[in-house]
């Protein structure tokens, strides 16, 4: 019996090490920019690799931490059956962000709410030219 109990910590350590090896690092956005339109709004543009049938929902925001605000870009599946093809998924959204906030900590989520892209971007001052660039 003592021999069996001694192998439990070893098996547990092996399982924990194996789990860490399987963890994947989240990808970066292929494009991420933010432009301050006025004191209350920022134009956020983001592109990341995702599913061919994903559509980006309106951004969700957390309470600001100093000059940083966390922004989440959730996605939904637009079809029950979809190819496994990876394609660029883009969004362009005007978000409500008060002026003390300078940096956006942005995460894109797949339809199962797993993070698939992450990045931090500084909102540059653009005034009216942010919206003029929209085509």
Protein backbone atom coordinates (compact mmCIF):
# COMPACT_ATOMS: atom_id res chain seq x y z
CA UNK A 1 0.00 0.00 0.00
CA UNK A 2 2.84 2.38 0.78
CA UNK A 3 4.25 1.89 -2.67
CA UNK A 4 0.96 2.92 -4.36
CA UNK A 5 0.65 6.07 -2.24
CA UNK A 6 4.20 7.12 -3.14
CA UNK A 7 3.38 7.12 -6.85
CA UNK A 8 0.44 9.54 -6.48
CA UNK A 9 2.56 12.72 -6.08
CA UNK A 10 4.69 11.64 -9.04
CA UNK A 11 1.62 11.08 -11.23
CA UNK A 12 0.14 14.41 -10.15
CA UNK A 13 3.37 16.26 -10.97
CA UNK A 14 3.52 14.61 -14.40
CA UNK A 15 -0.09 15.56 -15.14
CA UNK A 16 0.49 19.19 -14.14
CA UNK A 17 3.63 19.46 -16.28
CA UNK A 18 1.86 17.89 -19.25
CA UNK A 19 -1.07 20.31 -18.92
CA UNK A 20 1.26 23.31 -18.97
CA UNK A 21 2.90 22.04 -22.14
CA UNK A 22 -0.49 21.87 -23.85
CA UNK A 23 -1.41 25.48 -22.99
CA UNK A 24 -1.23 27.76 -26.01
CA UNK A 25 -0.27 31.40 -26.07
CA UNK A 26 -2.92 33.77 -27.41
CA UNK A 27 -2.19 35.28 -30.83
CA UNK A 28 -1.73 38.98 -31.46
CA UNK A 29 -4.07 41.05 -33.62
CA UNK A 30 -2.95 41.32 -37.25
CA UNK A 31 -4.16 44.95 -37.12
CA UNK A 32 -5.12 47.01 -34.08
CA UNK A 33 -5.59 50.79 -33.99
CA UNK A 34 -7.48 53.32 -31.91
CA UNK A 35 -8.22 56.95 -32.73
CA UNK A 36 -9.84 59.41 -30.33
CA UNK A 37 -12.78 61.09 -32.07
CA UNK A 38 -13.63 63.40 -29.17
CA UNK A 39 -13.50 63.49 -25.35
CA UNK A 40 -16.03 60.64 -25.05
CA UNK A 41 -15.47 58.36 -28.07
CA UNK A 42 -12.72 56.26 -29.67
CA UNK A 43 -12.78 54.56 -33.08
CA UNK A 44 -11.37 51.04 -32.61
CA UNK A 45 -10.25 49.02 -35.65
CA UNK A 46 -9.16 45.41 -35.19
CA UNK A 47 -8.37 42.41 -37.38
CA UNK A 48 -7.54 38.93 -36.10
CA UNK A 49 -7.46 35.36 -37.41
CA UNK A 50 -10.74 33.55 -36.77
CA UNK A 51 -13.44 31.34 -38.19
CA UNK A 52 -14.99 31.91 -41.60
CA UNK A 53 -18.46 32.10 -40.02
CA UNK A 54 -17.66 34.47 -37.13
CA UNK A 55 -19.26 37.90 -36.79
CA UNK A 56 -18.02 40.43 -34.23
CA UNK A 57 -20.60 41.68 -31.73
CA UNK A 58 -20.56 45.15 -30.12
CA UNK A 59 -17.57 45.67 -27.83
CA UNK A 60 -17.88 45.15 -24.10
CA UNK A 61 -15.85 47.33 -21.75
CA UNK A 62 -14.72 47.01 -18.16
CA UNK A 63 -14.29 49.87 -15.71
CA UNK A 64 -11.13 51.87 -16.47
CA UNK A 65 -8.00 51.22 -14.38
CA UNK A 66 -6.27 54.58 -14.41
CA UNK A 67 -5.56 55.33 -18.06
CA UNK A 68 -6.24 51.75 -19.28
CA UNK A 69 -9.58 50.22 -20.25
CA UNK A 70 -10.17 46.55 -21.05
CA UNK A 71 -12.21 46.01 -24.22
CA UNK A 72 -13.67 42.63 -25.19
CA UNK A 73 -14.71 41.84 -28.76
CA UNK A 74 -17.09 38.86 -28.58
CA UNK A 75 -17.99 36.88 -31.70
CA UNK A 76 -20.95 34.74 -32.68
CA UNK A 77 -21.21 31.99 -35.23
CA UNK A 78 -23.32 32.96 -38.24
CA UNK A 79 -23.98 29.36 -39.34
CA UNK A 80 -24.61 26.00 -37.69
CA UNK A 81 -22.22 24.28 -40.07
CA UNK A 82 -19.11 26.11 -41.20
CA UNK A 83 -15.76 25.27 -42.75
CA UNK A 84 -12.69 25.07 -40.53
CA UNK A 85 -11.04 27.74 -42.69
CA UNK A 86 -9.14 30.47 -40.82
CA UNK A 87 -9.81 33.93 -42.25
CA UNK A 88 -9.18 37.53 -41.19
CA UNK A 89 -12.05 38.78 -39.01
CA UNK A 90 -12.32 42.57 -38.91
CA UNK A 91 -14.32 45.08 -36.93
CA UNK A 92 -14.55 48.85 -36.81
CA UNK A 93 -16.49 50.23 -33.83
CA UNK A 94 -16.96 53.56 -32.12
CA UNK A 95 -16.80 52.93 -28.38
CA UNK A 96 -17.67 55.21 -25.47
CA UNK A 97 -14.43 55.89 -23.59
CA UNK A 98 -13.93 59.02 -21.46
CA UNK A 99 -10.81 61.10 -22.00
CA UNK A 100 -8.58 60.06 -19.08
CA UNK A 101 -8.30 56.66 -20.82
CA UNK A 102 -5.33 56.52 -23.20
CA UNK A 103 -4.65 52.79 -23.68
CA UNK A 104 -7.04 50.00 -24.67
CA UNK A 105 -6.31 46.42 -23.57
CA UNK A 106 -8.21 44.55 -26.30
CA UNK A 107 -9.21 40.87 -26.38
CA UNK A 108 -11.07 39.06 -29.17
CA UNK A 109 -13.18 36.10 -28.09
CA UNK A 110 -14.40 33.14 -30.13
CA UNK A 111 -18.09 32.09 -29.96
CA UNK A 112 -17.25 29.87 -26.95
CA UNK A 113 -15.79 32.96 -25.13
CA UNK A 114 -12.17 31.78 -25.36
CA UNK A 115 -9.60 34.49 -26.05
CA UNK A 116 -8.16 34.16 -29.58
CA UNK A 117 -6.31 37.49 -29.92
CA UNK A 118 -4.94 40.07 -27.51
CA UNK A 119 -3.19 43.41 -27.78
CA UNK A 120 -2.74 46.81 -26.17
CA UNK A 121 -3.06 49.97 -28.25
CA UNK A 122 -2.71 53.66 -27.48
CA UNK A 123 -5.56 55.85 -28.69
CA UNK A 124 -4.01 58.53 -30.86
CA UNK A 125 -5.62 61.94 -31.06
CA UNK A 126 -7.40 62.32 -34.35
CA UNK A 127 -10.42 64.57 -33.86
CA UNK A 128 -12.58 64.53 -37.02
CA UNK A 129 -10.07 62.74 -39.27
CA UNK A 130 -10.83 59.41 -37.55
CA UNK A 131 -14.26 59.26 -39.14
CA UNK A 132 -13.12 60.65 -42.49
CA UNK A 133 -10.84 57.62 -42.93
CA UNK A 134 -13.86 55.29 -42.75
CA UNK A 135 -14.74 54.25 -46.24
